[in-house]
Structures are given as structure tokens and as C-alpha cells.
Amino acid sequence: MKYVTMIHDRQYEIEIGKEGEVTVNGEPRHVDFLNLGPSLYSLITDNHSFQVVVEGESGRYDVLMNGHLYETQVMDERALLMAQRRGGLVSGSGEVNSPMPGLIVGVLVEAGQSVEAGQTVVILESMKMQNELKTPVSGIVESVSCEVGQTVDKNTRLVVVQPPEA
């Protein structure tokens, strides 16, 4: 089965074979993937081991790996064809939400500031790890709804970035 994954406006073609073989953009990859519990996975690739938290639905997923949060969009071949016929792939909103409960340990932007897609805007501490939360779009910071020392729940809106074309 073929999938197309969008991460920060970069597209990756991922093919998973019947025997579990994986290719990414045509290059074979050796991947061991094990479900450790709800939303928690073990991933071993190129002799490196990672714990990965994956949450989401309807083709949009937040992937927390190695202290970095990646907002992804995953489509199979049929969904990709439909998106292309609608005029292209839809990029993420300008909202940065907490992917899990935690403590805000850094707020790196303020309202009115210009930011680039992929720029770290908030640092969230959760499960004894500091996680850099990045803006999915370039634009101007419209609002910051958190402060250092604040505890937040999962899905709490932290920052809103207004893209230039909106």
C-alpha cells in the first residue's frame, strides 16, 4: 500500500509491502515498529531506537519523537488523487495546540511577531522530556494563550499564527 505523508510542507512517498518491507521515496528502509500501548510505539531504524507518541485521526497525526513534535497529514493513493483534483494538498492551520498534558517551560514568541513554518514557538515539558512545539505555517503570531509555569491539558490552544494570505 502506498501513502503520501506531508510534514512541514515536505512530501514523502511511503510504500509498505505485504511482508512489512518499507520504502521511503523509493529507498528501502529497515524498520522495526512495535505498539507499546495506546499511542506509544517503539521504532528501530538504522540501528537507532526511538519511543514515539502518535495521536490523531482522519489522516492528520501529531507525532512526538526525540523531543520534537511533527504535525503530519497522511493519505493513501485514493485520498491523494482526490486532494489533487480539489486543487492541492491542504496545509495545516496556524494553531499550535498542546499534544499532551504538561508544563510550559518556554514561550519563544509574542503577538505581532513574524514566524516561519517549522519555527519553535513553545517548549512543553511532559513525561520528563522537553518538547519543542513548532508552528505549522509561516505568518504573524495572532495570539499567545500560555505563559511559562502554566500547566496545560491535551489539545489546549497555545499559539495562533495567521498566514499572510488569509
N, C-alpha and C. Protein backbone atom coordinates (compact mmCIF):
# COMPACT_ATOMS: atom_id res chain seq x y z
N MET A 1 0.85 -1.18 0.00
CA MET A 1 0.00 0.00 0.00
C MET A 1 0.89 1.24 0.00
N LYS A 2 0.54 2.21 -0.84
CA LYS A 2 1.29 3.46 -0.91
C LYS A 2 0.57 4.55 -0.12
N TYR A 3 1.39 5.39 0.55
CA TYR A 3 0.88 6.54 1.29
C TYR A 3 1.73 7.75 0.94
N VAL A 4 1.13 8.90 1.03
CA VAL A 4 1.87 10.15 0.92
C VAL A 4 1.71 10.85 2.25
N THR A 5 2.85 11.26 2.82
CA THR A 5 2.86 11.94 4.11
C THR A 5 3.45 13.33 3.93
N MET A 6 2.74 14.32 4.45
CA MET A 6 3.21 15.70 4.42
C MET A 6 3.68 16.07 5.82
N ILE A 7 4.93 16.56 5.92
CA ILE A 7 5.48 17.04 7.18
C ILE A 7 6.12 18.39 6.88
N HIS A 8 5.59 19.46 7.45
CA HIS A 8 6.11 20.82 7.23
C HIS A 8 6.30 21.11 5.75
N ASP A 9 5.28 20.92 4.95
CA ASP A 9 5.28 21.22 3.52
C ASP A 9 6.25 20.36 2.70
N ARG A 10 6.79 19.31 3.29
CA ARG A 10 7.62 18.36 2.53
C ARG A 10 6.81 17.08 2.35
N GLN A 11 6.88 16.52 1.16
CA GLN A 11 6.09 15.33 0.83
C GLN A 11 6.99 14.10 0.79
N TYR A 12 6.52 13.02 1.41
CA TYR A 12 7.24 11.74 1.42
C TYR A 12 6.30 10.66 0.90
N GLU A 13 6.79 9.86 -0.05
CA GLU A 13 6.01 8.73 -0.55
C GLU A 13 6.48 7.48 0.19
N ILE A 14 5.58 6.84 0.89
CA ILE A 14 5.91 5.68 1.71
C ILE A 14 5.12 4.49 1.18
N GLU A 15 5.83 3.41 0.92
CA GLU A 15 5.19 2.19 0.45
C GLU A 15 5.49 1.07 1.44
N ILE A 16 4.42 0.39 1.86
CA ILE A 16 4.55 -0.73 2.79
C ILE A 16 4.14 -1.99 2.05
N GLY A 17 5.09 -2.93 1.92
CA GLY A 17 4.85 -4.16 1.20
C GLY A 17 4.12 -5.20 2.04
N LYS A 18 3.73 -6.30 1.40
CA LYS A 18 2.98 -7.36 2.07
C LYS A 18 3.77 -8.02 3.20
N GLU A 19 5.08 -8.07 3.07
CA GLU A 19 5.93 -8.71 4.07
C GLU A 19 6.48 -7.70 5.09
N GLY A 20 5.96 -6.46 5.07
CA GLY A 20 6.40 -5.46 6.03
C GLY A 20 7.58 -4.62 5.58
N GLU A 21 8.06 -4.84 4.34
CA GLU A 21 9.17 -4.02 3.86
C GLU A 21 8.67 -2.60 3.61
N VAL A 22 9.54 -1.62 3.87
CA VAL A 22 9.17 -0.21 3.78
C VAL A 22 10.13 0.50 2.83
N THR A 23 9.58 1.32 1.92
CA THR A 23 10.41 2.20 1.12
C THR A 23 9.91 3.63 1.34
N VAL A 24 10.86 4.57 1.42
CA VAL A 24 10.54 5.98 1.58
C VAL A 24 11.17 6.70 0.40
N ASN A 25 10.32 7.33 -0.41
CA ASN A 25 10.77 8.00 -1.64
C ASN A 25 11.63 7.08 -2.50
N GLY A 26 11.25 5.80 -2.58
CA GLY A 26 11.92 4.83 -3.42
C GLY A 26 13.13 4.16 -2.79
N GLU A 27 13.54 4.58 -1.60
CA GLU A 27 14.70 3.98 -0.93
C GLU A 27 14.23 2.96 0.11
N PRO A 28 14.74 1.72 0.04
CA PRO A 28 14.34 0.73 1.04
C PRO A 28 14.86 1.11 2.42
N ARG A 29 14.04 0.86 3.43
CA ARG A 29 14.40 1.14 4.82
C ARG A 29 14.08 -0.08 5.66
N HIS A 30 14.99 -0.38 6.58
CA HIS A 30 14.72 -1.45 7.54
C HIS A 30 14.12 -0.81 8.78
N VAL A 31 12.88 -1.19 9.09
CA VAL A 31 12.15 -0.56 10.19
C VAL A 31 11.51 -1.65 11.04
N ASP A 32 11.75 -1.59 12.36
CA ASP A 32 11.01 -2.42 13.32
C ASP A 32 10.10 -1.48 14.09
N PHE A 33 8.82 -1.81 14.14
CA PHE A 33 7.81 -0.94 14.72
C PHE A 33 6.96 -1.78 15.65
N LEU A 34 6.84 -1.39 16.92
CA LEU A 34 6.10 -2.18 17.90
C LEU A 34 5.19 -1.28 18.70
N ASN A 35 3.92 -1.67 18.82
CA ASN A 35 2.96 -0.92 19.63
C ASN A 35 3.19 -1.26 21.10
N LEU A 36 3.48 -0.23 21.92
CA LEU A 36 3.74 -0.43 23.35
C LEU A 36 2.52 -0.10 24.20
N GLY A 37 1.50 0.45 23.61
CA GLY A 37 0.30 0.84 24.35
C GLY A 37 -0.44 1.90 23.58
N PRO A 38 -1.50 2.43 24.17
CA PRO A 38 -2.26 3.46 23.46
C PRO A 38 -1.37 4.64 23.07
N SER A 39 -1.22 4.86 21.80
CA SER A 39 -0.47 6.00 21.24
C SER A 39 1.04 5.91 21.40
N LEU A 40 1.58 4.89 22.04
CA LEU A 40 3.02 4.79 22.29
C LEU A 40 3.61 3.63 21.48
N TYR A 41 4.71 3.92 20.77
CA TYR A 41 5.33 2.93 19.89
C TYR A 41 6.84 2.92 20.09
N SER A 42 7.44 1.78 19.78
CA SER A 42 8.89 1.66 19.70
C SER A 42 9.25 1.56 18.23
N LEU A 43 10.24 2.36 17.81
CA LEU A 43 10.67 2.39 16.42
C LEU A 43 12.18 2.20 16.39
N ILE A 44 12.62 1.21 15.62
CA ILE A 44 14.06 0.99 15.43
C ILE A 44 14.33 1.07 13.94
N THR A 45 15.24 1.99 13.57
CA THR A 45 15.63 2.14 12.17
C THR A 45 17.08 2.59 12.12
N ASP A 46 17.84 2.04 11.20
CA ASP A 46 19.26 2.37 11.04
C ASP A 46 20.01 2.26 12.37
N ASN A 47 19.73 1.21 13.13
CA ASN A 47 20.37 0.93 14.42
C ASN A 47 20.14 2.01 15.47
N HIS A 48 19.06 2.79 15.33
CA HIS A 48 18.69 3.79 16.32
C HIS A 48 17.29 3.44 16.84
N SER A 49 17.12 3.55 18.15
CA SER A 49 15.85 3.24 18.78
C SER A 49 15.17 4.52 19.24
N PHE A 50 13.86 4.61 19.02
CA PHE A 50 13.08 5.78 19.40
C PHE A 50 11.79 5.33 20.06
N GLN A 51 11.33 6.11 21.07
CA GLN A 51 9.98 5.99 21.56
C GLN A 51 9.18 7.07 20.87
N VAL A 52 8.02 6.70 20.33
CA VAL A 52 7.24 7.62 19.52
C VAL A 52 5.80 7.65 20.04
N VAL A 53 5.27 8.86 20.20
CA VAL A 53 3.87 9.04 20.57
C VAL A 53 3.14 9.51 19.31
N VAL A 54 2.08 8.80 18.92
CA VAL A 54 1.31 9.15 17.72
C VAL A 54 -0.14 9.30 18.12
N GLU A 55 -0.69 10.49 17.84
CA GLU A 55 -2.10 10.72 18.13
C GLU A 55 -2.73 11.47 16.97
N GLY A 56 -3.96 11.16 16.67
CA GLY A 56 -4.66 11.87 15.62
C GLY A 56 -5.74 11.02 15.02
N GLU A 57 -6.36 11.58 13.98
CA GLU A 57 -7.43 10.88 13.28
C GLU A 57 -7.68 11.54 11.95
N SER A 58 -8.42 10.87 11.11
CA SER A 58 -8.82 11.39 9.80
C SER A 58 -7.65 11.87 8.96
N GLY A 59 -6.53 11.15 9.03
CA GLY A 59 -5.39 11.48 8.19
C GLY A 59 -4.46 12.53 8.75
N ARG A 60 -4.80 13.18 9.84
CA ARG A 60 -3.93 14.17 10.48
C ARG A 60 -3.43 13.60 11.80
N TYR A 61 -2.10 13.60 11.95
CA TYR A 61 -1.50 12.99 13.13
C TYR A 61 -0.42 13.90 13.71
N ASP A 62 -0.33 13.92 15.03
CA ASP A 62 0.78 14.55 15.73
C ASP A 62 1.72 13.43 16.13
N VAL A 63 2.99 13.57 15.76
CA VAL A 63 4.00 12.55 16.06
C VAL A 63 5.07 13.21 16.92
N LEU A 64 5.23 12.71 18.15
CA LEU A 64 6.24 13.22 19.06
C LEU A 64 7.38 12.21 19.11
N MET A 65 8.55 12.64 18.63
CA MET A 65 9.70 11.74 18.56
C MET A 65 10.96 12.52 18.89
N ASN A 66 11.72 12.00 19.83
CA ASN A 66 13.01 12.60 20.17
C ASN A 66 12.87 14.05 20.62
N GLY A 67 11.77 14.35 21.33
CA GLY A 67 11.55 15.70 21.83
C GLY A 67 11.02 16.68 20.81
N HIS A 68 10.73 16.23 19.59
CA HIS A 68 10.22 17.11 18.54
C HIS A 68 8.81 16.67 18.15
N LEU A 69 7.95 17.66 17.96
CA LEU A 69 6.58 17.38 17.54
C LEU A 69 6.46 17.63 16.04
N TYR A 70 5.95 16.65 15.32
CA TYR A 70 5.73 16.76 13.88
C TYR A 70 4.24 16.64 13.61
N GLU A 71 3.67 17.66 12.96
CA GLU A 71 2.28 17.59 12.54
C GLU A 71 2.28 17.00 11.14
N THR A 72 1.57 15.91 10.95
CA THR A 72 1.61 15.22 9.68
C THR A 72 0.21 15.08 9.09
N GLN A 73 0.21 14.93 7.79
CA GLN A 73 -1.01 14.59 7.07
C GLN A 73 -0.68 13.34 6.26
N VAL A 74 -1.45 12.28 6.41
CA VAL A 74 -1.19 11.01 5.74
C VAL A 74 -2.38 10.66 4.87
N MET A 75 -2.08 10.35 3.59
CA MET A 75 -3.14 9.98 2.65
C MET A 75 -2.74 8.75 1.87
N ASP A 76 -3.70 7.88 1.63
CA ASP A 76 -3.43 6.78 0.72
C ASP A 76 -3.57 7.30 -0.71
N GLU A 77 -3.31 6.46 -1.68
CA GLU A 77 -3.31 6.88 -3.09
C GLU A 77 -4.65 7.50 -3.52
N ARG A 78 -5.73 6.93 -3.07
CA ARG A 78 -7.06 7.42 -3.45
C ARG A 78 -7.32 8.82 -2.87
N ALA A 79 -6.99 9.01 -1.58
CA ALA A 79 -7.19 10.31 -0.95
C ALA A 79 -6.29 11.37 -1.57
N LEU A 80 -5.06 10.99 -1.96
CA LEU A 80 -4.14 11.93 -2.60
C LEU A 80 -4.71 12.40 -3.93
N LEU A 81 -5.23 11.47 -4.73
CA LEU A 81 -5.81 11.82 -6.02
C LEU A 81 -6.97 12.79 -5.84
N MET A 82 -7.82 12.55 -4.87
CA MET A 82 -8.95 13.43 -4.61
C MET A 82 -8.46 14.82 -4.18
N ALA A 83 -7.45 14.89 -3.33
CA ALA A 83 -6.92 16.18 -2.87
C ALA A 83 -6.32 16.95 -4.04
N GLN A 84 -5.61 16.26 -4.91
CA GLN A 84 -5.01 16.92 -6.07
C GLN A 84 -6.09 17.47 -7.01
N ARG A 85 -7.17 16.76 -7.15
CA ARG A 85 -8.26 17.23 -8.02
C ARG A 85 -9.01 18.41 -7.41
N ARG A 86 -8.96 18.52 -6.08
CA ARG A 86 -9.57 19.67 -5.40
C ARG A 86 -8.67 20.90 -5.46
N GLY A 87 -7.44 20.73 -5.97
CA GLY A 87 -6.56 21.89 -6.09
C GLY A 87 -5.34 21.82 -5.22
N GLY A 88 -4.98 20.66 -4.74
CA GLY A 88 -3.74 20.55 -3.97
C GLY A 88 -3.97 20.06 -2.56
N LEU A 89 -2.85 19.86 -1.89
CA LEU A 89 -2.91 19.37 -0.52
C LEU A 89 -3.17 20.54 0.41
N VAL A 90 -3.96 20.31 1.42
CA VAL A 90 -4.29 21.35 2.37
C VAL A 90 -3.22 21.39 3.44
N SER A 91 -2.62 22.57 3.64
CA SER A 91 -1.63 22.68 4.71
C SER A 91 -2.36 22.85 6.03
N GLY A 92 -1.65 22.68 7.13
CA GLY A 92 -2.24 22.75 8.45
C GLY A 92 -2.70 24.15 8.80
N SER A 93 -3.49 24.24 9.85
CA SER A 93 -3.93 25.54 10.33
C SER A 93 -2.77 26.22 11.04
N GLY A 94 -2.97 27.44 11.45
CA GLY A 94 -1.94 28.17 12.16
C GLY A 94 -2.00 27.97 13.67
N GLU A 95 -2.78 27.01 14.12
CA GLU A 95 -2.89 26.77 15.56
C GLU A 95 -1.79 25.82 16.04
N VAL A 96 -1.21 26.14 17.18
CA VAL A 96 -0.29 25.24 17.86
C VAL A 96 -0.97 24.85 19.16
N ASN A 97 -1.32 23.57 19.26
CA ASN A 97 -2.02 23.04 20.43
C ASN A 97 -1.12 22.08 21.18
N SER A 98 -1.38 21.93 22.46
CA SER A 98 -0.61 21.00 23.28
C SER A 98 -0.96 19.56 22.89
N PRO A 99 0.04 18.76 22.48
CA PRO A 99 -0.27 17.39 22.07
C PRO A 99 -0.50 16.46 23.26
N MET A 100 -0.21 16.96 24.47
CA MET A 100 -0.36 16.16 25.70
C MET A 100 -0.37 17.11 26.88
N PRO A 101 -0.79 16.63 28.05
CA PRO A 101 -0.72 17.49 29.24
C PRO A 101 0.74 17.77 29.59
N GLY A 102 1.02 18.94 30.14
CA GLY A 102 2.39 19.25 30.52
C GLY A 102 2.54 20.62 31.12
N LEU A 103 3.78 21.03 31.29
CA LEU A 103 4.15 22.31 31.89
C LEU A 103 4.85 23.16 30.84
N ILE A 104 4.41 24.40 30.66
CA ILE A 104 5.05 25.32 29.73
C ILE A 104 6.35 25.80 30.37
N VAL A 105 7.48 25.52 29.71
CA VAL A 105 8.78 25.94 30.24
C VAL A 105 9.43 27.01 29.37
N GLY A 106 8.85 27.30 28.22
CA GLY A 106 9.37 28.35 27.36
C GLY A 106 8.33 28.83 26.37
N VAL A 107 8.20 30.15 26.24
CA VAL A 107 7.36 30.76 25.22
C VAL A 107 8.29 31.65 24.42
N LEU A 108 8.54 31.30 23.17
CA LEU A 108 9.58 31.94 22.38
C LEU A 108 9.07 33.01 21.42
N VAL A 109 7.76 33.27 21.42
CA VAL A 109 7.18 34.27 20.52
C VAL A 109 6.21 35.16 21.28
N GLU A 110 5.86 36.26 20.64
CA GLU A 110 4.84 37.15 21.20
C GLU A 110 3.92 37.61 20.07
N ALA A 111 2.75 38.09 20.43
CA ALA A 111 1.78 38.54 19.44
C ALA A 111 2.41 39.63 18.57
N GLY A 112 2.15 39.54 17.26
CA GLY A 112 2.67 40.51 16.31
C GLY A 112 3.99 40.11 15.68
N GLN A 113 4.63 39.07 16.22
CA GLN A 113 5.94 38.63 15.71
C GLN A 113 5.77 37.82 14.43
N SER A 114 6.70 37.98 13.50
CA SER A 114 6.72 37.19 12.27
C SER A 114 7.44 35.87 12.54
N VAL A 115 6.87 34.75 12.05
CA VAL A 115 7.47 33.43 12.25
C VAL A 115 7.48 32.67 10.94
N GLU A 116 8.38 31.69 10.84
CA GLU A 116 8.48 30.82 9.69
C GLU A 116 7.95 29.43 10.04
N ALA A 117 7.37 28.73 9.08
CA ALA A 117 6.89 27.37 9.30
C ALA A 117 8.03 26.52 9.85
N GLY A 118 7.74 25.75 10.88
CA GLY A 118 8.74 24.89 11.50
C GLY A 118 9.51 25.55 12.62
N GLN A 119 9.24 26.82 12.89
CA GLN A 119 9.94 27.54 13.96
C GLN A 119 9.35 27.14 15.32
N THR A 120 10.22 26.91 16.31
CA THR A 120 9.77 26.57 17.66
C THR A 120 9.12 27.80 18.29
N VAL A 121 7.91 27.63 18.82
CA VAL A 121 7.19 28.74 19.44
C VAL A 121 6.97 28.52 20.94
N VAL A 122 6.87 27.26 21.37
CA VAL A 122 6.64 26.93 22.78
C VAL A 122 7.44 25.69 23.12
N ILE A 123 7.93 25.63 24.36
CA ILE A 123 8.58 24.42 24.86
C ILE A 123 7.72 23.88 25.98
N LEU A 124 7.29 22.64 25.82
CA LEU A 124 6.40 21.97 26.75
C LEU A 124 7.15 20.82 27.41
N GLU A 125 7.10 20.75 28.74
CA GLU A 125 7.71 19.63 29.44
C GLU A 125 6.62 18.63 29.80
N SER A 126 6.84 17.40 29.39
CA SER A 126 5.89 16.33 29.66
C SER A 126 6.64 15.02 29.73
N MET A 127 6.29 14.17 30.65
CA MET A 127 6.93 12.86 30.82
C MET A 127 8.45 13.02 30.93
N LYS A 128 8.89 14.06 31.67
CA LYS A 128 10.31 14.33 31.94
C LYS A 128 11.10 14.67 30.68
N MET A 129 10.41 15.07 29.61
CA MET A 129 11.07 15.46 28.37
C MET A 129 10.60 16.85 27.97
N GLN A 130 11.52 17.63 27.42
CA GLN A 130 11.14 18.93 26.88
C GLN A 130 10.83 18.75 25.39
N ASN A 131 9.66 19.23 24.99
CA ASN A 131 9.18 19.05 23.63
C ASN A 131 9.04 20.40 22.96
N GLU A 132 9.71 20.57 21.81
CA GLU A 132 9.62 21.82 21.05
C GLU A 132 8.38 21.77 20.18
N LEU A 133 7.46 22.70 20.42
CA LEU A 133 6.25 22.79 19.61
C LEU A 133 6.48 23.85 18.55
N LYS A 134 6.27 23.49 17.30
CA LYS A 134 6.60 24.35 16.16
C LYS A 134 5.35 24.80 15.44
N THR A 135 5.43 25.96 14.84
CA THR A 135 4.31 26.45 14.05
C THR A 135 4.26 25.70 12.71
N PRO A 136 3.08 25.28 12.29
CA PRO A 136 2.97 24.55 11.03
C PRO A 136 2.97 25.47 9.81
N VAL A 137 2.78 26.78 10.02
CA VAL A 137 2.71 27.73 8.91
C VAL A 137 3.56 28.96 9.19
N SER A 138 3.95 29.66 8.14
CA SER A 138 4.61 30.96 8.27
C SER A 138 3.53 32.02 8.42
N GLY A 139 3.87 33.12 9.08
CA GLY A 139 2.91 34.21 9.21
C GLY A 139 3.23 35.10 10.40
N ILE A 140 2.20 35.76 10.90
CA ILE A 140 2.31 36.66 12.05
C ILE A 140 1.58 36.02 13.23
N VAL A 141 2.24 36.03 14.41
CA VAL A 141 1.62 35.48 15.61
C VAL A 141 0.42 36.35 15.97
N GLU A 142 -0.76 35.75 15.92
CA GLU A 142 -2.00 36.46 16.22
C GLU A 142 -2.25 36.50 17.72
N SER A 143 -1.99 35.37 18.40
CA SER A 143 -2.21 35.34 19.85
C SER A 143 -1.33 34.28 20.50
N VAL A 144 -0.98 34.54 21.75
CA VAL A 144 -0.25 33.59 22.59
C VAL A 144 -1.12 33.38 23.83
N SER A 145 -1.56 32.14 24.06
CA SER A 145 -2.51 31.85 25.12
C SER A 145 -1.89 31.06 26.26
N CYS A 146 -0.57 31.19 26.45
CA CYS A 146 0.08 30.45 27.53
C CYS A 146 1.25 31.28 28.06
N GLU A 147 1.74 30.88 29.22
CA GLU A 147 2.90 31.56 29.81
C GLU A 147 3.75 30.53 30.55
N VAL A 148 5.01 30.88 30.74
CA VAL A 148 5.95 29.99 31.43
C VAL A 148 5.41 29.68 32.83
N GLY A 149 5.46 28.39 33.20
CA GLY A 149 4.99 27.93 34.50
C GLY A 149 3.56 27.44 34.50
N GLN A 150 2.85 27.67 33.41
CA GLN A 150 1.45 27.25 33.31
C GLN A 150 1.37 25.76 32.98
N THR A 151 0.46 25.04 33.64
CA THR A 151 0.20 23.65 33.25
C THR A 151 -0.97 23.66 32.27
N VAL A 152 -0.88 22.79 31.26
CA VAL A 152 -1.91 22.75 30.23
C VAL A 152 -2.38 21.32 30.02
N ASP A 153 -3.60 21.20 29.56
CA ASP A 153 -4.17 19.90 29.21
C ASP A 153 -3.88 19.59 27.75
N LYS A 154 -4.13 18.36 27.37
CA LYS A 154 -4.01 17.97 25.97
C LYS A 154 -4.98 18.81 25.14
N ASN A 155 -4.55 19.20 23.94
CA ASN A 155 -5.33 19.97 22.97
C ASN A 155 -5.61 21.41 23.38
N THR A 156 -4.90 21.93 24.40
CA THR A 156 -5.05 23.34 24.77
C THR A 156 -4.41 24.20 23.68
N ARG A 157 -5.12 25.20 23.20
CA ARG A 157 -4.56 26.11 22.19
C ARG A 157 -3.52 26.99 22.88
N LEU A 158 -2.30 27.00 22.31
CA LEU A 158 -1.19 27.75 22.90
C LEU A 158 -0.86 29.00 22.10
N VAL A 159 -0.77 28.86 20.77
CA VAL A 159 -0.38 29.95 19.89
C VAL A 159 -1.22 29.85 18.61
N VAL A 160 -1.58 31.02 18.06
CA VAL A 160 -2.26 31.06 16.76
C VAL A 160 -1.43 31.94 15.83
N VAL A 161 -1.09 31.41 14.66
CA VAL A 161 -0.33 32.14 13.64
C VAL A 161 -1.26 32.38 12.45
N GLN A 162 -1.30 33.63 12.02
CA GLN A 162 -2.13 33.99 10.87
C GLN A 162 -1.27 33.97 9.62
N PRO A 163 -1.54 33.07 8.67
CA PRO A 163 -0.76 33.04 7.42
C PRO A 163 -0.95 34.35 6.64
N PRO A 164 0.03 34.77 5.85
CA PRO A 164 -0.06 36.05 5.14
C PRO A 164 -1.20 36.15 4.15
N GLU A 165 -1.60 35.05 3.52
CA GLU A 165 -2.64 35.12 2.50
C GLU A 165 -4.04 35.16 3.08
N ALA A 166 -4.19 34.98 4.40
CA ALA A 166 -5.54 34.94 5.00
C ALA A 166 -6.07 36.33 5.28
